[in-house]
Amino acid sequence: MASARARAGPDEPEAAALARDARRERRRALVLAAPALLLVGAVALLPTGWLFWLSVIEGESFSAAHYLRLIQVESYRRIFWTTFEIAAVVTILAALLGYPLAYWLSRLPERWANVGLVLVLVPFWTSLLVRTYAWLVLLQRRGLVNRALLDLGLIEEPLRLVHNWTGTVIGMLHILLPFLVLPAYASLRAIDPAYLAAAASLGASPVRAFWTVFFPLSLPGLLAGCLLVFVLALGFYVTPAILGGGRVLMVAMKVQENAGLYLDWGAASALAVVLLLATLAMFALLARLVPLERLLVSRS
């Protein structure tokens, strides 16, 4: 500020000098960030722009035929419905299972909480493909799950747990659950226990203190985890392809089929663009409900 005052002339207000300094700092920051911005543009924005271009080209002219096909052909509408339905179910189940786990971890002493977090992260040490095939072994008609249920007398014949909607949801839930537990745990851990003590001192029961004080404070972390799980589920390919057995088609699988099997890059690009726009719409909707800074910054 002293340098700004020294540079300000007798007729120049101090605010103008500060504004000039701020603009100069922004230009310097932009110059420093230019290499990273160019890299992001090269590896992210340019391919995305190329997808948009391919999606509106039919032959050698502009056309909306690929997008009209997504609306007019029932199979495409069914694929989108299946994709969003599975993503929503996986997200809800992840929240129902992951939030209590994150809450329990957040109440443990730090040493034991770290041990629990390591156990949550253990699945990441194994390949996604290996984990998916492990679920295929567990859930097949003669797999360990059906054999255990038969031995216990809980079922009379093996259940169909793979190559269908159920197996796809189970596999995706197992893989995506840590993505909800981690942000929820960070939000829960940052909540000061004194808030619950204050609520109790004012006469609130433990249940009421949780729902009126603790849960609202943890909501940004829970929503961040749900958003992360939902977005990742929308683009899943390997797990639905294996556990769905070709009977459960999601958008990512149709994109691969159009591009790899039929070499129809226009149709594949249109599917990818619509899925991208749907994801951005989810971000925008959530941002209207909860400010993004509350999702990105843990509470203190």
C-alpha atoms as a PDB file:
ATOM      1  CA  MET A   1       0.000   0.000   0.000  1.00  0.00           C
ATOM      2  CA  ALA A   2       2.907   2.331   0.755  1.00  0.00           C
ATOM      3  CA  SER A   3       4.287   1.774  -2.732  1.00  0.00           C
ATOM      4  CA  ALA A   4       0.858   2.593  -4.179  1.00  0.00           C
ATOM      5  CA  ARG A   5       0.771   5.872  -2.205  1.00  0.00           C
ATOM      6  CA  ALA A   6       4.286   6.759  -3.386  1.00  0.00           C
ATOM      7  CA  ARG A   7       3.359   6.250  -7.031  1.00  0.00           C
ATOM      8  CA  ALA A   8       0.048   8.116  -6.748  1.00  0.00           C
ATOM      9  CA  GLY A   9       0.308  11.712  -7.947  1.00  0.00           C
ATOM     10  CA  PRO A  10      -1.087  14.674  -6.070  1.00  0.00           C
ATOM     11  CA  ASP A  11      -4.310  14.592  -8.104  1.00  0.00           C
ATOM     12  CA  GLU A  12      -4.599  10.810  -8.354  1.00  0.00           C
ATOM     13  CA  PRO A  13      -6.783   9.141  -5.712  1.00  0.00           C
ATOM     14  CA  GLU A  14      -5.256   6.327  -3.710  1.00  0.00           C
ATOM     15  CA  ALA A  15      -8.001   3.930  -4.885  1.00  0.00           C
ATOM     16  CA  ALA A  16      -6.964   4.439  -8.525  1.00  0.00           C
ATOM     17  CA  ALA A  17      -3.363   3.578  -7.685  1.00  0.00           C
ATOM     18  CA  LEU A  18      -4.479   0.445  -5.864  1.00  0.00           C
ATOM     19  CA  ALA A  19      -6.667  -0.569  -8.804  1.00  0.00           C
ATOM     20  CA  ARG A  20      -3.712  -0.065 -11.171  1.00  0.00           C
ATOM     21  CA  ASP A  21      -1.536  -2.258  -8.957  1.00  0.00           C
ATOM     22  CA  ALA A  22      -4.248  -4.917  -8.882  1.00  0.00           C
ATOM     23  CA  ARG A  23      -4.459  -4.965 -12.683  1.00  0.00           C
ATOM     24  CA  ARG A  24      -0.685  -5.253 -12.912  1.00  0.00           C
ATOM     25  CA  GLU A  25      -0.706  -8.219 -10.507  1.00  0.00           C
ATOM     26  CA  ARG A  26      -3.441  -9.941 -12.504  1.00  0.00           C
ATOM     27  CA  ARG A  27      -1.415  -9.539 -15.705  1.00  0.00           C
ATOM     28  CA  ARG A  28       1.630 -11.028 -14.009  1.00  0.00           C
ATOM     29  CA  ALA A  29      -0.429 -13.951 -12.714  1.00  0.00           C
ATOM     30  CA  LEU A  30      -1.820 -14.524 -16.198  1.00  0.00           C
ATOM     31  CA  VAL A  31       1.672 -14.588 -17.676  1.00  0.00           C
ATOM     32  CA  LEU A  32       2.825 -17.084 -15.055  1.00  0.00           C
ATOM     33  CA  ALA A  33      -0.230 -19.289 -15.615  1.00  0.00           C
ATOM     34  CA  ALA A  34      -0.030 -19.095 -19.421  1.00  0.00           C
ATOM     35  CA  PRO A  35       1.981 -22.361 -19.880  1.00  0.00           C
ATOM     36  CA  ALA A  36      -0.474 -24.319 -17.727  1.00  0.00           C
ATOM     37  CA  LEU A  37      -3.458 -22.742 -19.510  1.00  0.00           C
ATOM     38  CA  LEU A  38      -1.979 -23.647 -22.889  1.00  0.00           C
ATOM     39  CA  LEU A  39      -1.440 -27.229 -21.727  1.00  0.00           C
ATOM     40  CA  VAL A  40      -5.020 -27.518 -20.479  1.00  0.00           C
ATOM     41  CA  GLY A  41      -6.283 -26.072 -23.739  1.00  0.00           C
ATOM     42  CA  ALA A  42      -4.212 -28.530 -25.757  1.00  0.00           C
ATOM     43  CA  VAL A  43      -5.164 -31.694 -23.855  1.00  0.00           C
ATOM     44  CA  ALA A  44      -8.727 -30.864 -22.771  1.00  0.00           C
ATOM     45  CA  LEU A  45     -10.382 -28.004 -24.629  1.00  0.00           C
ATOM     46  CA  LEU A  46      -9.179 -28.836 -28.140  1.00  0.00           C
ATOM     47  CA  PRO A  47     -10.377 -32.487 -28.033  1.00  0.00           C
ATOM     48  CA  THR A  48     -13.705 -31.327 -26.584  1.00  0.00           C
ATOM     49  CA  GLY A  49     -14.064 -28.754 -29.334  1.00  0.00           C
ATOM     50  CA  TRP A  50     -13.240 -31.441 -31.897  1.00  0.00           C
ATOM     51  CA  LEU A  51     -16.043 -33.599 -30.493  1.00  0.00           C
ATOM     52  CA  PHE A  52     -18.488 -30.710 -30.891  1.00  0.00           C
ATOM     53  CA  TRP A  53     -17.306 -30.246 -34.481  1.00  0.00           C
ATOM     54  CA  LEU A  54     -17.699 -33.930 -35.392  1.00  0.00           C
ATOM     55  CA  SER A  55     -21.150 -34.054 -33.839  1.00  0.00           C
ATOM     56  CA  VAL A  56     -22.534 -31.382 -36.199  1.00  0.00           C
ATOM     57  CA  ILE A  57     -20.901 -32.630 -39.417  1.00  0.00           C
ATOM     58  CA  GLU A  58     -22.714 -35.020 -41.738  1.00  0.00           C
ATOM     59  CA  GLY A  59     -20.651 -35.734 -44.814  1.00  0.00           C
ATOM     60  CA  GLU A  60     -19.227 -32.356 -45.790  1.00  0.00           C
ATOM     61  CA  SER A  61     -21.964 -30.101 -44.445  1.00  0.00           C
ATOM     62  CA  PHE A  62     -23.369 -28.996 -41.117  1.00  0.00           C
ATOM     63  CA  SER A  63     -26.239 -31.103 -39.845  1.00  0.00           C
ATOM     64  CA  ALA A  64     -28.140 -31.824 -36.645  1.00  0.00           C
ATOM     65  CA  ALA A  65     -28.886 -35.375 -37.792  1.00  0.00           C
ATOM     66  CA  HIS A  66     -26.840 -37.014 -35.050  1.00  0.00           C
ATOM     67  CA  TYR A  67     -28.670 -35.105 -32.320  1.00  0.00           C
ATOM     68  CA  LEU A  68     -32.062 -35.696 -33.923  1.00  0.00           C
ATOM     69  CA  ARG A  69     -31.296 -39.410 -33.944  1.00  0.00           C
ATOM     70  CA  LEU A  70     -30.745 -39.326 -30.181  1.00  0.00           C
ATOM     71  CA  ILE A  71     -34.236 -37.878 -29.764  1.00  0.00           C
ATOM     72  CA  GLN A  72     -36.084 -39.908 -32.382  1.00  0.00           C
ATOM     73  CA  VAL A  73     -34.594 -43.391 -31.896  1.00  0.00           C
ATOM     74  CA  GLU A  74     -36.064 -45.148 -28.883  1.00  0.00           C
ATOM     75  CA  SER A  75     -32.964 -47.239 -28.198  1.00  0.00           C
ATOM     76  CA  TYR A  76     -30.913 -44.104 -27.603  1.00  0.00           C
ATOM     77  CA  ARG A  77     -33.519 -42.724 -25.199  1.00  0.00           C
ATOM     78  CA  ARG A  78     -33.516 -46.037 -23.355  1.00  0.00           C
ATOM     79  CA  ILE A  79     -29.711 -46.011 -23.081  1.00  0.00           C
ATOM     80  CA  PHE A  80     -29.750 -42.518 -21.588  1.00  0.00           C
ATOM     81  CA  TRP A  81     -32.507 -43.501 -19.180  1.00  0.00           C
ATOM     82  CA  THR A  82     -30.548 -46.592 -18.074  1.00  0.00           C
ATOM     83  CA  THR A  83     -27.375 -44.551 -17.617  1.00  0.00           C
ATOM     84  CA  PHE A  84     -28.990 -41.896 -15.452  1.00  0.00           C
ATOM     85  CA  GLU A  85     -31.072 -44.449 -13.550  1.00  0.00           C
ATOM     86  CA  ILE A  86     -28.031 -46.561 -12.622  1.00  0.00           C
ATOM     87  CA  ALA A  87     -25.974 -43.459 -11.768  1.00  0.00           C
ATOM     88  CA  ALA A  88     -28.761 -42.166  -9.498  1.00  0.00           C
ATOM     89  CA  VAL A  89     -29.261 -45.529  -7.748  1.00  0.00           C
ATOM     90  CA  VAL A  90     -25.519 -45.989  -7.209  1.00  0.00           C
ATOM     91  CA  THR A  91     -25.277 -42.445  -5.811  1.00  0.00           C
ATOM     92  CA  ILE A  92     -28.177 -42.951  -3.396  1.00  0.00           C
ATOM     93  CA  LEU A  93     -26.817 -46.293  -2.179  1.00  0.00           C
ATOM     94  CA  ALA A  94     -23.330 -44.805  -1.821  1.00  0.00           C
ATOM     95  CA  ALA A  95     -24.761 -42.003   0.313  1.00  0.00           C
ATOM     96  CA  LEU A  96     -26.730 -44.450   2.498  1.00  0.00           C
ATOM     97  CA  LEU A  97     -23.671 -46.641   3.045  1.00  0.00           C
ATOM     98  CA  GLY A  98     -20.862 -44.113   2.870  1.00  0.00           C
ATOM     99  CA  TYR A  99     -22.200 -41.371   5.134  1.00  0.00           C
ATOM    100  CA  PRO A 100     -22.597 -43.592   8.229  1.00  0.00           C
ATOM    101  CA  LEU A 101     -19.120 -45.016   7.575  1.00  0.00           C
ATOM    102  CA  ALA A 102     -17.638 -41.535   7.234  1.00  0.00           C
ATOM    103  CA  TYR A 103     -19.459 -40.420  10.405  1.00  0.00           C
ATOM    104  CA  TRP A 104     -18.129 -43.386  12.351  1.00  0.00           C
ATOM    105  CA  LEU A 105     -14.574 -42.730  11.126  1.00  0.00           C
ATOM    106  CA  SER A 106     -14.845 -39.052  12.015  1.00  0.00           C
ATOM    107  CA  ARG A 107     -15.753 -39.905  15.619  1.00  0.00           C
ATOM    108  CA  LEU A 108     -12.747 -42.220  16.094  1.00  0.00           C
ATOM    109  CA  PRO A 109      -9.428 -41.026  17.514  1.00  0.00           C
ATOM    110  CA  GLU A 110      -7.183 -39.729  14.764  1.00  0.00           C
ATOM    111  CA  ARG A 111      -4.893 -42.781  14.865  1.00  0.00           C
ATOM    112  CA  TRP A 112      -7.716 -45.260  14.334  1.00  0.00           C
ATOM    113  CA  ALA A 113      -9.439 -42.983  11.837  1.00  0.00           C
ATOM    114  CA  ASN A 114      -6.289 -43.054   9.703  1.00  0.00           C
ATOM    115  CA  VAL A 115      -6.304 -46.859   9.843  1.00  0.00           C
ATOM    116  CA  GLY A 116      -9.934 -46.847   8.709  1.00  0.00           C
ATOM    117  CA  LEU A 117      -9.147 -44.486   5.829  1.00  0.00           C
ATOM    118  CA  VAL A 118      -6.352 -46.792   4.688  1.00  0.00           C
ATOM    119  CA  LEU A 119      -8.845 -49.666   4.609  1.00  0.00           C
ATOM    120  CA  VAL A 120     -11.242 -47.509   2.585  1.00  0.00           C
ATOM    121  CA  LEU A 121      -8.443 -46.801   0.094  1.00  0.00           C
ATOM    122  CA  VAL A 122      -7.273 -50.432  -0.176  1.00  0.00           C
ATOM    123  CA  PRO A 123      -9.488 -51.151  -3.240  1.00  0.00           C
ATOM    124  CA  PHE A 124      -7.619 -48.427  -5.155  1.00  0.00           C
ATOM    125  CA  TRP A 125      -4.489 -50.554  -4.914  1.00  0.00           C
ATOM    126  CA  THR A 126      -6.091 -53.163  -7.170  1.00  0.00           C
ATOM    127  CA  SER A 127      -6.866 -52.736 -10.844  1.00  0.00           C
ATOM    128  CA  LEU A 128     -10.437 -51.764 -11.719  1.00  0.00           C
ATOM    129  CA  LEU A 129     -10.564 -54.679 -14.157  1.00  0.00           C
ATOM    130  CA  VAL A 130      -9.443 -57.154 -11.498  1.00  0.00           C
ATOM    131  CA  ARG A 131     -12.060 -55.909  -9.022  1.00  0.00           C
ATOM    132  CA  THR A 132     -14.783 -56.192 -11.641  1.00  0.00           C
ATOM    133  CA  TYR A 133     -13.843 -59.777 -12.520  1.00  0.00           C
ATOM    134  CA  ALA A 134     -13.695 -60.578  -8.799  1.00  0.00           C
ATOM    135  CA  TRP A 135     -17.340 -59.517  -8.504  1.00  0.00           C
ATOM    136  CA  LEU A 136     -18.124 -61.666 -11.543  1.00  0.00           C
ATOM    137  CA  VAL A 137     -16.665 -64.673  -9.719  1.00  0.00           C
ATOM    138  CA  LEU A 138     -18.513 -63.857  -6.500  1.00  0.00           C
ATOM    139  CA  LEU A 139     -21.926 -63.190  -8.031  1.00  0.00           C
ATOM    140  CA  GLN A 140     -22.223 -65.801 -10.782  1.00  0.00           C
ATOM    141  CA  ARG A 141     -24.744 -68.638 -10.449  1.00  0.00           C
ATOM    142  CA  ARG A 142     -22.167 -70.962  -8.887  1.00  0.00           C
ATOM    143  CA  GLY A 143     -20.261 -68.182  -7.177  1.00  0.00           C
ATOM    144  CA  LEU A 144     -19.503 -67.793  -3.501  1.00  0.00           C
ATOM    145  CA  VAL A 145     -22.561 -65.631  -2.766  1.00  0.00           C
ATOM    146  CA  ASN A 146     -25.098 -68.042  -4.255  1.00  0.00           C
ATOM    147  CA  ARG A 147     -23.364 -71.052  -2.733  1.00  0.00           C
ATOM    148  CA  ALA A 148     -23.423 -69.437   0.717  1.00  0.00           C
ATOM    149  CA  LEU A 149     -27.109 -68.563   0.418  1.00  0.00           C
ATOM    150  CA  LEU A 150     -27.932 -72.089  -0.741  1.00  0.00           C
ATOM    151  CA  ASP A 151     -25.946 -73.669   2.111  1.00  0.00           C
ATOM    152  CA  LEU A 152     -27.744 -71.457   4.634  1.00  0.00           C
ATOM    153  CA  GLY A 153     -31.108 -72.457   3.172  1.00  0.00           C
ATOM    154  CA  LEU A 154     -32.072 -68.854   2.411  1.00  0.00           C
ATOM    155  CA  ILE A 155     -32.768 -69.586  -1.273  1.00  0.00           C
ATOM    156  CA  GLU A 156     -33.819 -72.706  -3.175  1.00  0.00           C
ATOM    157  CA  GLU A 157     -32.122 -71.890  -6.475  1.00  0.00           C
ATOM    158  CA  PRO A 158     -29.260 -69.585  -7.465  1.00  0.00           C
ATOM    159  CA  LEU A 159     -30.088 -65.928  -7.887  1.00  0.00           C
ATOM    160  CA  ARG A 160     -29.304 -64.033 -11.075  1.00  0.00           C
ATOM    161  CA  LEU A 161     -26.804 -61.496  -9.768  1.00  0.00           C
ATOM    162  CA  VAL A 162     -24.641 -60.882 -12.831  1.00  0.00           C
ATOM    163  CA  HIS A 163     -25.196 -60.005 -16.491  1.00  0.00           C
ATOM    164  CA  ASN A 164     -28.057 -57.785 -15.401  1.00  0.00           C
ATOM    165  CA  TRP A 165     -28.928 -54.467 -13.732  1.00  0.00           C
ATOM    166  CA  THR A 166     -28.301 -55.795 -10.213  1.00  0.00           C
ATOM    167  CA  GLY A 167     -24.748 -56.952 -10.841  1.00  0.00           C
ATOM    168  CA  THR A 168     -23.893 -53.675 -12.555  1.00  0.00           C
ATOM    169  CA  VAL A 169     -25.109 -51.630  -9.585  1.00  0.00           C
ATOM    170  CA  ILE A 170     -23.271 -53.824  -7.063  1.00  0.00           C
ATOM    171  CA  GLY A 171     -19.968 -53.592  -8.921  1.00  0.00           C
ATOM    172  CA  MET A 172     -20.203 -49.856  -9.526  1.00  0.00           C
ATOM    173  CA  LEU A 173     -21.214 -49.214  -5.908  1.00  0.00           C
ATOM    174  CA  HIS A 174     -18.172 -51.060  -4.599  1.00  0.00           C
ATOM    175  CA  ILE A 175     -15.814 -49.152  -6.888  1.00  0.00           C
ATOM    176  CA  LEU A 176     -17.318 -45.686  -6.346  1.00  0.00           C
ATOM    177  CA  LEU A 177     -18.056 -45.844  -2.606  1.00  0.00           C
ATOM    178  CA  PRO A 178     -14.634 -44.445  -1.543  1.00  0.00           C
ATOM    179  CA  PHE A 179     -15.257 -41.356  -3.672  1.00  0.00           C
ATOM    180  CA  LEU A 180     -18.149 -40.481  -1.360  1.00  0.00           C
ATOM    181  CA  VAL A 181     -16.541 -41.520   1.915  1.00  0.00           C
ATOM    182  CA  LEU A 182     -13.450 -39.323   1.507  1.00  0.00           C
ATOM    183  CA  PRO A 183     -15.102 -35.888   0.984  1.00  0.00           C
ATOM    184  CA  ALA A 184     -17.820 -36.715   3.515  1.00  0.00           C
ATOM    185  CA  TYR A 185     -15.177 -37.691   6.074  1.00  0.00           C
ATOM    186  CA  ALA A 186     -13.235 -34.458   5.467  1.00  0.00           C
ATOM    187  CA  SER A 187     -16.382 -32.408   6.060  1.00  0.00           C
ATOM    188  CA  LEU A 188     -17.402 -34.379   9.144  1.00  0.00           C
ATOM    189  CA  ARG A 189     -13.934 -34.259  10.669  1.00  0.00           C
ATOM    190  CA  ALA A 190     -13.827 -30.475  10.375  1.00  0.00           C
ATOM    191  CA  ILE A 191     -16.991 -29.984  12.458  1.00  0.00           C
ATOM    192  CA  ASP A 192     -16.206 -28.827  15.988  1.00  0.00           C
ATOM    193  CA  PRO A 193     -17.716 -31.255  18.554  1.00  0.00           C
ATOM    194  CA  ALA A 194     -18.455 -28.204  20.717  1.00  0.00           C
ATOM    195  CA  TYR A 195     -21.445 -27.498  18.461  1.00  0.00           C
ATOM    196  CA  LEU A 196     -23.115 -30.717  19.597  1.00  0.00           C
ATOM    197  CA  ALA A 197     -22.221 -29.988  23.200  1.00  0.00           C
ATOM    198  CA  ALA A 198     -23.782 -26.540  22.863  1.00  0.00           C
ATOM    199  CA  ALA A 199     -26.941 -28.038  21.377  1.00  0.00           C
ATOM    200  CA  ALA A 200     -27.121 -30.562  24.222  1.00  0.00           C
ATOM    201  CA  SER A 201     -26.684 -27.805  26.801  1.00  0.00           C
ATOM    202  CA  LEU A 202     -29.686 -26.042  25.266  1.00  0.00           C
ATOM    203  CA  GLY A 203     -31.826 -29.134  25.779  1.00  0.00           C
ATOM    204  CA  ALA A 204     -31.568 -30.871  22.414  1.00  0.00           C
ATOM    205  CA  SER A 205     -31.557 -34.657  22.410  1.00  0.00           C
ATOM    206  CA  PRO A 206     -28.661 -36.429  20.628  1.00  0.00           C
ATOM    207  CA  VAL A 207     -30.890 -37.236  17.655  1.00  0.00           C
ATOM    208  CA  ARG A 208     -32.219 -33.694  17.372  1.00  0.00           C
ATOM    209  CA  ALA A 209     -28.738 -32.219  17.789  1.00  0.00           C
ATOM    210  CA  PHE A 210     -27.482 -34.417  14.968  1.00  0.00           C
ATOM    211  CA  TRP A 211     -30.242 -33.517  12.489  1.00  0.00           C
ATOM    212  CA  THR A 212     -30.455 -29.806  13.332  1.00  0.00           C
ATOM    213  CA  VAL A 213     -26.757 -29.020  13.898  1.00  0.00           C
ATOM    214  CA  PHE A 214     -24.372 -31.733  12.765  1.00  0.00           C
ATOM    215  CA  PHE A 215     -26.015 -32.937   9.564  1.00  0.00           C
ATOM    216  CA  PRO A 216     -26.509 -29.456   8.001  1.00  0.00           C
ATOM    217  CA  LEU A 217     -22.849 -28.656   8.662  1.00  0.00           C
ATOM    218  CA  SER A 218     -21.760 -31.886   6.959  1.00  0.00           C
ATOM    219  CA  LEU A 219     -24.078 -31.461   3.985  1.00  0.00           C
ATOM    220  CA  PRO A 220     -21.513 -29.763   1.671  1.00  0.00           C
ATOM    221  CA  GLY A 221     -19.140 -32.717   1.983  1.00  0.00           C
ATOM    222  CA  LEU A 222     -21.961 -35.191   1.407  1.00  0.00           C
ATOM    223  CA  LEU A 223     -23.189 -33.306  -1.662  1.00  0.00           C
ATOM    224  CA  ALA A 224     -19.651 -33.087  -3.032  1.00  0.00           C
ATOM    225  CA  GLY A 225     -19.268 -36.844  -2.660  1.00  0.00           C
ATOM    226  CA  CYS A 226     -22.663 -37.506  -4.258  1.00  0.00           C
ATOM    227  CA  LEU A 227     -21.807 -35.248  -7.184  1.00  0.00           C
ATOM    228  CA  LEU A 228     -18.469 -36.977  -7.670  1.00  0.00           C
ATOM    229  CA  VAL A 229     -20.033 -40.447  -7.581  1.00  0.00           C
ATOM    230  CA  PHE A 230     -22.858 -39.456  -9.932  1.00  0.00           C
ATOM    231  CA  VAL A 231     -20.544 -37.877 -12.515  1.00  0.00           C
ATOM    232  CA  LEU A 232     -18.149 -40.834 -12.457  1.00  0.00           C
ATOM    233  CA  ALA A 233     -21.049 -43.285 -12.754  1.00  0.00           C
ATOM    234  CA  LEU A 234     -22.359 -41.523 -15.851  1.00  0.00           C
ATOM    235  CA  GLY A 235     -19.158 -42.294 -17.737  1.00  0.00           C
ATOM    236  CA  PHE A 236     -18.512 -45.832 -16.469  1.00  0.00           C
ATOM    237  CA  TYR A 237     -17.580 -48.408 -19.100  1.00  0.00           C
ATOM    238  CA  VAL A 238     -15.613 -51.438 -17.858  1.00  0.00           C
ATOM    239  CA  THR A 239     -17.872 -52.547 -14.999  1.00  0.00           C
ATOM    240  CA  PRO A 240     -21.203 -52.314 -16.890  1.00  0.00           C
ATOM    241  CA  ALA A 241     -19.642 -54.044 -19.908  1.00  0.00           C
ATOM    242  CA  ILE A 242     -18.491 -57.032 -17.808  1.00  0.00           C
ATOM    243  CA  LEU A 243     -21.132 -57.359 -15.094  1.00  0.00           C
ATOM    244  CA  GLY A 244     -23.935 -56.248 -17.407  1.00  0.00           C
ATOM    245  CA  GLY A 245     -23.059 -58.959 -19.896  1.00  0.00           C
ATOM    246  CA  GLY A 246     -24.231 -56.874 -22.847  1.00  0.00           C
ATOM    247  CA  ARG A 247     -27.744 -56.647 -21.401  1.00  0.00           C
ATOM    248  CA  VAL A 248     -27.140 -53.338 -19.633  1.00  0.00           C
ATOM    249  CA  LEU A 249     -26.144 -50.631 -22.108  1.00  0.00           C
ATOM    250  CA  MET A 250     -24.845 -47.294 -20.862  1.00  0.00           C
ATOM    251  CA  VAL A 251     -23.806 -44.231 -22.824  1.00  0.00           C
ATOM    252  CA  ALA A 252     -20.064 -44.914 -22.595  1.00  0.00           C
ATOM    253  CA  MET A 253     -20.589 -48.394 -24.053  1.00  0.00           C
ATOM    254  CA  LYS A 254     -22.634 -46.986 -26.932  1.00  0.00           C
ATOM    255  CA  VAL A 255     -19.952 -44.391 -27.626  1.00  0.00           C
ATOM    256  CA  GLN A 256     -17.347 -47.152 -27.890  1.00  0.00           C
ATOM    257  CA  GLU A 257     -19.637 -49.215 -30.107  1.00  0.00           C
ATOM    258  CA  ASN A 258     -20.321 -46.348 -32.514  1.00  0.00           C
ATOM    259  CA  ALA A 259     -16.672 -45.304 -32.733  1.00  0.00           C
ATOM    260  CA  GLY A 260     -14.920 -48.680 -32.560  1.00  0.00           C
ATOM    261  CA  LEU A 261     -17.360 -51.011 -34.274  1.00  0.00           C
ATOM    262  CA  TYR A 262     -19.287 -48.852 -36.739  1.00  0.00           C
ATOM    263  CA  LEU A 263     -16.643 -46.107 -37.164  1.00  0.00           C
ATOM    264  CA  ASP A 264     -19.457 -43.568 -36.845  1.00  0.00           C
ATOM    265  CA  TRP A 265     -17.569 -40.768 -35.142  1.00  0.00           C
ATOM    266  CA  GLY A 266     -20.414 -38.312 -35.614  1.00  0.00           C
ATOM    267  CA  ALA A 267     -22.888 -40.397 -33.624  1.00  0.00           C
ATOM    268  CA  ALA A 268     -20.274 -41.197 -30.975  1.00  0.00           C
ATOM    269  CA  SER A 269     -19.376 -37.512 -30.644  1.00  0.00           C
ATOM    270  CA  ALA A 270     -23.030 -36.498 -30.303  1.00  0.00           C
ATOM    271  CA  LEU A 271     -23.482 -39.001 -27.472  1.00  0.00           C
ATOM    272  CA  ALA A 272     -20.355 -37.727 -25.727  1.00  0.00           C
ATOM    273  CA  VAL A 273     -21.412 -34.093 -26.122  1.00  0.00           C
ATOM    274  CA  VAL A 274     -24.885 -34.720 -24.702  1.00  0.00           C
ATOM    275  CA  LEU A 275     -23.391 -36.601 -21.757  1.00  0.00           C
ATOM    276  CA  LEU A 276     -20.936 -33.748 -21.157  1.00  0.00           C
ATOM    277  CA  LEU A 277     -23.715 -31.149 -21.267  1.00  0.00           C
ATOM    278  CA  ALA A 278     -25.806 -33.232 -18.880  1.00  0.00           C
ATOM    279  CA  THR A 279     -22.882 -33.386 -16.457  1.00  0.00           C
ATOM    280  CA  LEU A 280     -22.379 -29.621 -16.652  1.00  0.00           C
ATOM    281  CA  ALA A 281     -26.106 -29.161 -16.058  1.00  0.00           C
ATOM    282  CA  MET A 282     -25.801 -31.226 -12.874  1.00  0.00           C
ATOM    283  CA  PHE A 283     -22.964 -28.991 -11.705  1.00  0.00           C
ATOM    284  CA  ALA A 284     -25.028 -25.884 -12.466  1.00  0.00           C
ATOM    285  CA  LEU A 285     -28.073 -27.254 -10.642  1.00  0.00           C
ATOM    286  CA  LEU A 286     -26.066 -28.150  -7.569  1.00  0.00           C
ATOM    287  CA  ALA A 287     -24.328 -24.766  -7.646  1.00  0.00           C
ATOM    288  CA  ARG A 288     -27.744 -23.095  -7.414  1.00  0.00           C
ATOM    289  CA  LEU A 289     -28.581 -25.179  -4.349  1.00  0.00           C
ATOM    290  CA  VAL A 290     -25.199 -25.005  -2.623  1.00  0.00           C
ATOM    291  CA  PRO A 291     -22.440 -22.504  -3.520  1.00  0.00           C
ATOM    292  CA  LEU A 292     -19.491 -24.279  -5.094  1.00  0.00           C
ATOM    293  CA  GLU A 293     -17.048 -22.776  -2.622  1.00  0.00           C
ATOM    294  CA  ARG A 294     -18.853 -24.673   0.132  1.00  0.00           C
ATOM    295  CA  LEU A 295     -18.310 -27.890  -1.798  1.00  0.00           C
ATOM    296  CA  LEU A 296     -14.655 -27.259  -2.577  1.00  0.00           C
ATOM    297  CA  VAL A 297     -13.513 -25.793   0.716  1.00  0.00           C
ATOM    298  CA  SER A 298     -13.804 -27.859   3.884  1.00  0.00           C
ATOM    299  CA  ARG A 299     -15.472 -26.235   6.823  1.00  0.00           C
ATOM    300  CA  SER A 300     -13.348 -25.090   9.719  1.00  0.00           C
END
